[in-house]
Amino acid sequence: MDCPRCQGIMIQDKFGDVADESGAMYFSGWRCITCGEILDPVISENRRHHHEPLIGRSRKKFATQLG
């Protein structure tokens, strides 16, 4: 499998997560040996449902001028 970030080689790896809401402490995924990118089913699903940022909305300025 090729890394989507750097096109390096990805290997299967096992990761630990004590804060996983599914109750699993370990999960399998892919890790790039060049850049360290990690892919697992949860990351892939979240990237598939990515929303584009809203265009034309500026942030409100909360800072006050000191003078």
PDB file of N, CA and C in Angstrom:
ATOM      1  N   MET A   1       0.851  -1.178   0.000  1.00  0.00           N
ATOM      2  CA  MET A   1       0.000   0.000   0.000  1.00  0.00           C
ATOM      3  C   MET A   1       0.892   1.235   0.000  1.00  0.00           C
ATOM      4  N   ASP A   2       0.531   2.225  -0.802  1.00  0.00           N
ATOM      5  CA  ASP A   2       1.294   3.470  -0.869  1.00  0.00           C
ATOM      6  C   ASP A   2       0.677   4.519   0.049  1.00  0.00           C
ATOM      7  N   CYS A   3       1.525   5.328   0.658  1.00  0.00           N
ATOM      8  CA  CYS A   3       1.083   6.392   1.554  1.00  0.00           C
ATOM      9  C   CYS A   3       0.411   7.506   0.749  1.00  0.00           C
ATOM     10  N   PRO A   4      -0.777   7.961   1.167  1.00  0.00           N
ATOM     11  CA  PRO A   4      -1.436   9.046   0.442  1.00  0.00           C
ATOM     12  C   PRO A   4      -0.738  10.390   0.617  1.00  0.00           C
ATOM     13  N   ARG A   5       0.090  10.532   1.641  1.00  0.00           N
ATOM     14  CA  ARG A   5       0.773  11.801   1.894  1.00  0.00           C
ATOM     15  C   ARG A   5       2.092  11.903   1.129  1.00  0.00           C
ATOM     16  N   CYS A   6       2.939  10.865   1.214  1.00  0.00           N
ATOM     17  CA  CYS A   6       4.282  10.970   0.619  1.00  0.00           C
ATOM     18  C   CYS A   6       4.575   9.885  -0.415  1.00  0.00           C
ATOM     19  N   GLN A   7       3.615   8.992  -0.687  1.00  0.00           N
ATOM     20  CA  GLN A   7       3.760   7.865  -1.608  1.00  0.00           C
ATOM     21  C   GLN A   7       4.826   6.867  -1.143  1.00  0.00           C
ATOM     22  N   GLY A   8       5.138   6.872   0.153  1.00  0.00           N
ATOM     23  CA  GLY A   8       6.076   5.903   0.725  1.00  0.00           C
ATOM     24  C   GLY A   8       5.387   4.563   0.971  1.00  0.00           C
ATOM     25  N   ILE A   9       6.120   3.651   1.574  1.00  0.00           N
ATOM     26  CA  ILE A   9       5.608   2.315   1.849  1.00  0.00           C
ATOM     27  C   ILE A   9       4.886   2.310   3.193  1.00  0.00           C
ATOM     28  N   MET A  10       3.685   1.719   3.203  1.00  0.00           N
ATOM     29  CA  MET A  10       2.925   1.598   4.445  1.00  0.00           C
ATOM     30  C   MET A  10       2.938   0.145   4.895  1.00  0.00           C
ATOM     31  N   ILE A  11       3.050  -0.046   6.211  1.00  0.00           N
ATOM     32  CA  ILE A  11       3.039  -1.380   6.791  1.00  0.00           C
ATOM     33  C   ILE A  11       1.876  -1.491   7.762  1.00  0.00           C
ATOM     34  N   GLN A  12       1.371  -2.716   7.936  1.00  0.00           N
ATOM     35  CA  GLN A  12       0.325  -2.921   8.927  1.00  0.00           C
ATOM     36  C   GLN A  12       0.949  -2.837  10.307  1.00  0.00           C
ATOM     37  N   ASP A  13       0.225  -2.202  11.235  1.00  0.00           N
ATOM     38  CA  ASP A  13       0.732  -2.014  12.582  1.00  0.00           C
ATOM     39  C   ASP A  13      -0.425  -2.139  13.557  1.00  0.00           C
ATOM     40  N   LYS A  14      -0.110  -2.347  14.815  1.00  0.00           N
ATOM     41  CA  LYS A  14      -1.121  -2.439  15.861  1.00  0.00           C
ATOM     42  C   LYS A  14      -0.918  -1.255  16.795  1.00  0.00           C
ATOM     43  N   PHE A  15      -2.005  -0.556  17.119  1.00  0.00           N
ATOM     44  CA  PHE A  15      -1.943   0.654  17.929  1.00  0.00           C
ATOM     45  C   PHE A  15      -2.782   0.471  19.185  1.00  0.00           C
ATOM     46  N   GLY A  16      -2.400   1.170  20.255  1.00  0.00           N
ATOM     47  CA  GLY A  16      -3.154   1.133  21.498  1.00  0.00           C
ATOM     48  C   GLY A  16      -3.867   2.448  21.728  1.00  0.00           C
ATOM     49  N   ASP A  17      -5.108   2.357  22.242  1.00  0.00           N
ATOM     50  CA  ASP A  17      -5.898   3.562  22.511  1.00  0.00           C
ATOM     51  C   ASP A  17      -6.743   3.315  23.751  1.00  0.00           C
ATOM     52  N   VAL A  18      -6.415   3.968  24.851  1.00  0.00           N
ATOM     53  CA  VAL A  18      -7.161   3.756  26.092  1.00  0.00           C
ATOM     54  C   VAL A  18      -8.431   4.595  26.147  1.00  0.00           C
ATOM     55  N   ALA A  19      -8.599   5.561  25.256  1.00  0.00           N
ATOM     56  CA  ALA A  19      -9.764   6.444  25.279  1.00  0.00           C
ATOM     57  C   ALA A  19     -10.737   6.158  24.136  1.00  0.00           C
ATOM     58  N   ASP A  20     -10.685   4.973  23.576  1.00  0.00           N
ATOM     59  CA  ASP A  20     -11.563   4.636  22.451  1.00  0.00           C
ATOM     60  C   ASP A  20     -12.982   4.405  22.946  1.00  0.00           C
ATOM     61  N   GLU A  21     -13.960   5.081  22.329  1.00  0.00           N
ATOM     62  CA  GLU A  21     -15.346   4.958  22.782  1.00  0.00           C
ATOM     63  C   GLU A  21     -15.966   3.601  22.461  1.00  0.00           C
ATOM     64  N   SER A  22     -15.345   2.822  21.589  1.00  0.00           N
ATOM     65  CA  SER A  22     -15.885   1.499  21.284  1.00  0.00           C
ATOM     66  C   SER A  22     -15.478   0.465  22.325  1.00  0.00           C
ATOM     67  N   GLY A  23     -14.581   0.822  23.225  1.00  0.00           N
ATOM     68  CA  GLY A  23     -14.135  -0.094  24.265  1.00  0.00           C
ATOM     69  C   GLY A  23     -12.908  -0.901  23.877  1.00  0.00           C
ATOM     70  N   ALA A  24     -12.487  -0.828  22.630  1.00  0.00           N
ATOM     71  CA  ALA A  24     -11.304  -1.566  22.198  1.00  0.00           C
ATOM     72  C   ALA A  24     -10.047  -0.837  22.646  1.00  0.00           C
ATOM     73  N   MET A  25      -9.090  -1.595  23.148  1.00  0.00           N
ATOM     74  CA  MET A  25      -7.850  -0.963  23.574  1.00  0.00           C
ATOM     75  C   MET A  25      -6.792  -0.995  22.479  1.00  0.00           C
ATOM     76  N   TYR A  26      -6.905  -1.933  21.554  1.00  0.00           N
ATOM     77  CA  TYR A  26      -5.940  -2.044  20.471  1.00  0.00           C
ATOM     78  C   TYR A  26      -6.689  -2.111  19.145  1.00  0.00           C
ATOM     79  N   PHE A  27      -6.091  -1.541  18.123  1.00  0.00           N
ATOM     80  CA  PHE A  27      -6.694  -1.607  16.802  1.00  0.00           C
ATOM     81  C   PHE A  27      -5.593  -1.731  15.767  1.00  0.00           C
ATOM     82  N   SER A  28      -5.938  -2.276  14.620  1.00  0.00           N
ATOM     83  CA  SER A  28      -4.982  -2.434  13.525  1.00  0.00           C
ATOM     84  C   SER A  28      -5.149  -1.296  12.537  1.00  0.00           C
ATOM     85  N   GLY A  29      -4.068  -0.936  11.914  1.00  0.00           N
ATOM     86  CA  GLY A  29      -4.097   0.110  10.908  1.00  0.00           C
ATOM     87  C   GLY A  29      -2.840   0.044  10.068  1.00  0.00           C
ATOM     88  N   TRP A  30      -2.629   1.067   9.273  1.00  0.00           N
ATOM     89  CA  TRP A  30      -1.463   1.169   8.403  1.00  0.00           C
ATOM     90  C   TRP A  30      -0.625   2.358   8.841  1.00  0.00           C
ATOM     91  N   ARG A  31       0.700   2.199   8.848  1.00  0.00           N
ATOM     92  CA  ARG A  31       1.616   3.283   9.205  1.00  0.00           C
ATOM     93  C   ARG A  31       2.684   3.396   8.131  1.00  0.00           C
ATOM     94  N   CYS A  32       2.930   4.632   7.682  1.00  0.00           N
ATOM     95  CA  CYS A  32       3.966   4.876   6.674  1.00  0.00           C
ATOM     96  C   CYS A  32       5.329   4.861   7.354  1.00  0.00           C
ATOM     97  N   ILE A  33       6.262   4.118   6.794  1.00  0.00           N
ATOM     98  CA  ILE A  33       7.589   4.051   7.402  1.00  0.00           C
ATOM     99  C   ILE A  33       8.435   5.277   7.061  1.00  0.00           C
ATOM    100  N   THR A  34       7.986   6.096   6.120  1.00  0.00           N
ATOM    101  CA  THR A  34       8.727   7.301   5.749  1.00  0.00           C
ATOM    102  C   THR A  34       8.274   8.520   6.535  1.00  0.00           C
ATOM    103  N   CYS A  35       6.965   8.830   6.505  1.00  0.00           N
ATOM    104  CA  CYS A  35       6.483  10.070   7.128  1.00  0.00           C
ATOM    105  C   CYS A  35       5.679   9.849   8.408  1.00  0.00           C
ATOM    106  N   GLY A  36       5.286   8.600   8.702  1.00  0.00           N
ATOM    107  CA  GLY A  36       4.553   8.319   9.925  1.00  0.00           C
ATOM    108  C   GLY A  36       3.043   8.449   9.816  1.00  0.00           C
ATOM    109  N   GLU A  37       2.510   8.713   8.634  1.00  0.00           N
ATOM    110  CA  GLU A  37       1.062   8.806   8.437  1.00  0.00           C
ATOM    111  C   GLU A  37       0.400   7.520   8.928  1.00  0.00           C
ATOM    112  N   ILE A  38      -0.717   7.649   9.656  1.00  0.00           N
ATOM    113  CA  ILE A  38      -1.454   6.499  10.165  1.00  0.00           C
ATOM    114  C   ILE A  38      -2.840   6.491   9.540  1.00  0.00           C
ATOM    115  N   LEU A  39      -3.256   5.336   9.058  1.00  0.00           N
ATOM    116  CA  LEU A  39      -4.598   5.151   8.503  1.00  0.00           C
ATOM    117  C   LEU A  39      -5.242   3.952   9.175  1.00  0.00           C
ATOM    118  N   ASP A  40      -6.491   4.109   9.576  1.00  0.00           N
ATOM    119  CA  ASP A  40      -7.285   3.013  10.109  1.00  0.00           C
ATOM    120  C   ASP A  40      -8.714   3.204   9.612  1.00  0.00           C
ATOM    121  N   PRO A  41      -9.621   2.285   9.882  1.00  0.00           N
ATOM    122  CA  PRO A  41     -10.991   2.432   9.376  1.00  0.00           C
ATOM    123  C   PRO A  41     -11.690   3.713   9.843  1.00  0.00           C
ATOM    124  N   VAL A  42     -11.450   4.156  11.068  1.00  0.00           N
ATOM    125  CA  VAL A  42     -12.096   5.371  11.580  1.00  0.00           C
ATOM    126  C   VAL A  42     -11.576   6.605  10.847  1.00  0.00           C
ATOM    127  N   ILE A  43     -10.278   6.702  10.654  1.00  0.00           N
ATOM    128  CA  ILE A  43      -9.688   7.839   9.935  1.00  0.00           C
ATOM    129  C   ILE A  43     -10.193   7.859   8.495  1.00  0.00           C
ATOM    130  N   SER A  44     -10.215   6.702   7.849  1.00  0.00           N
ATOM    131  CA  SER A  44     -10.687   6.634   6.458  1.00  0.00           C
ATOM    132  C   SER A  44     -12.140   7.068   6.341  1.00  0.00           C
ATOM    133  N   GLU A  45     -12.985   6.632   7.279  1.00  0.00           N
ATOM    134  CA  GLU A  45     -14.406   7.005   7.247  1.00  0.00           C
ATOM    135  C   GLU A  45     -14.581   8.503   7.470  1.00  0.00           C
ATOM    136  N   ASN A  46     -13.837   9.078   8.408  1.00  0.00           N
ATOM    137  CA  ASN A  46     -13.925  10.520   8.660  1.00  0.00           C
ATOM    138  C   ASN A  46     -13.466  11.332   7.455  1.00  0.00           C
ATOM    139  N   ARG A  47     -12.442  10.879   6.764  1.00  0.00           N
ATOM    140  CA  ARG A  47     -11.965  11.596   5.576  1.00  0.00           C
ATOM    141  C   ARG A  47     -12.957  11.482   4.421  1.00  0.00           C
ATOM    142  N   ARG A  48     -13.688  10.388   4.371  1.00  0.00           N
ATOM    143  CA  ARG A  48     -14.682  10.206   3.317  1.00  0.00           C
ATOM    144  C   ARG A  48     -15.854  11.176   3.489  1.00  0.00           C
ATOM    145  N   HIS A  49     -16.174  11.541   4.725  1.00  0.00           N
ATOM    146  CA  HIS A  49     -17.294  12.442   5.016  1.00  0.00           C
ATOM    147  C   HIS A  49     -16.830  13.856   5.329  1.00  0.00           C
ATOM    148  N   HIS A  50     -15.683  14.246   4.818  1.00  0.00           N
ATOM    149  CA  HIS A  50     -15.120  15.577   5.069  1.00  0.00           C
ATOM    150  C   HIS A  50     -15.963  16.651   4.394  1.00  0.00           C
ATOM    151  N   HIS A  51     -16.243  17.720   5.117  1.00  0.00           N
ATOM    152  CA  HIS A  51     -16.983  18.849   4.558  1.00  0.00           C
ATOM    153  C   HIS A  51     -16.006  19.962   4.207  1.00  0.00           C
ATOM    154  N   GLU A  52     -16.253  20.609   3.091  1.00  0.00           N
ATOM    155  CA  GLU A  52     -15.421  21.740   2.690  1.00  0.00           C
ATOM    156  C   GLU A  52     -15.727  22.936   3.592  1.00  0.00           C
ATOM    157  N   PRO A  53     -14.732  23.789   3.825  1.00  0.00           N
ATOM    158  CA  PRO A  53     -14.979  24.971   4.657  1.00  0.00           C
ATOM    159  C   PRO A  53     -15.970  25.926   3.994  1.00  0.00           C
ATOM    160  N   LEU A  54     -16.692  26.655   4.822  1.00  0.00           N
ATOM    161  CA  LEU A  54     -17.644  27.637   4.310  1.00  0.00           C
ATOM    162  C   LEU A  54     -16.888  28.818   3.721  1.00  0.00           C
ATOM    163  N   ILE A  55     -17.298  29.254   2.535  1.00  0.00           N
ATOM    164  CA  ILE A  55     -16.629  30.365   1.858  1.00  0.00           C
ATOM    165  C   ILE A  55     -17.464  31.624   2.048  1.00  0.00           C
ATOM    166  N   GLY A  56     -16.790  32.741   2.243  1.00  0.00           N
ATOM    167  CA  GLY A  56     -17.488  34.011   2.358  1.00  0.00           C
ATOM    168  C   GLY A  56     -17.865  34.379   3.777  1.00  0.00           C
ATOM    169  N   ARG A  57     -17.463  33.582   4.733  1.00  0.00           N
ATOM    170  CA  ARG A  57     -17.732  33.910   6.125  1.00  0.00           C
ATOM    171  C   ARG A  57     -16.418  34.294   6.780  1.00  0.00           C
ATOM    172  N   SER A  58     -16.355  35.489   7.271  1.00  0.00           N
ATOM    173  CA  SER A  58     -15.139  35.900   7.954  1.00  0.00           C
ATOM    174  C   SER A  58     -15.320  35.698   9.450  1.00  0.00           C
ATOM    175  N   ARG A  59     -14.225  35.561  10.132  1.00  0.00           N
ATOM    176  CA  ARG A  59     -14.283  35.398  11.581  1.00  0.00           C
ATOM    177  C   ARG A  59     -14.583  36.729  12.240  1.00  0.00           C
ATOM    178  N   LYS A  60     -15.306  36.661  13.308  1.00  0.00           N
ATOM    179  CA  LYS A  60     -15.576  37.876  14.064  1.00  0.00           C
ATOM    180  C   LYS A  60     -14.324  38.245  14.843  1.00  0.00           C
ATOM    181  N   LYS A  61     -14.090  39.519  14.952  1.00  0.00           N
ATOM    182  CA  LYS A  61     -12.923  39.978  15.689  1.00  0.00           C
ATOM    183  C   LYS A  61     -13.322  40.220  17.137  1.00  0.00           C
ATOM    184  N   PHE A  62     -12.691  39.487  18.031  1.00  0.00           N
ATOM    185  CA  PHE A  62     -13.003  39.610  19.442  1.00  0.00           C
ATOM    186  C   PHE A  62     -11.989  40.494  20.168  1.00  0.00           C
ATOM    187  N   ALA A  63     -10.901  40.798  19.522  1.00  0.00           N
ATOM    188  CA  ALA A  63      -9.864  41.607  20.167  1.00  0.00           C
ATOM    189  C   ALA A  63     -10.309  43.065  20.247  1.00  0.00           C
ATOM    190  N   THR A  64      -9.877  43.725  21.259  1.00  0.00           N
ATOM    191  CA  THR A  64     -10.174  45.153  21.398  1.00  0.00           C
ATOM    192  C   THR A  64      -8.900  45.939  21.183  1.00  0.00           C
ATOM    193  N   GLN A  65      -9.070  47.132  20.700  1.00  0.00           N
ATOM    194  CA  GLN A  65      -7.897  47.976  20.479  1.00  0.00           C
ATOM    195  C   GLN A  65      -7.443  48.573  21.797  1.00  0.00           C
ATOM    196  N   LEU A  66      -6.150  48.558  21.986  1.00  0.00           N
ATOM    197  CA  LEU A  66      -5.567  49.208  23.161  1.00  0.00           C
ATOM    198  C   LEU A  66      -5.139  50.599  22.749  1.00  0.00           C
ATOM    199  N   GLY A  67      -5.499  51.549  23.513  1.00  0.00           N
ATOM    200  CA  GLY A  67      -5.111  52.843  23.022  1.00  0.00           C
ATOM    201  C   GLY A  67      -4.993  53.824  24.047  1.00  0.00           C
TER     202      GLY A  67
END
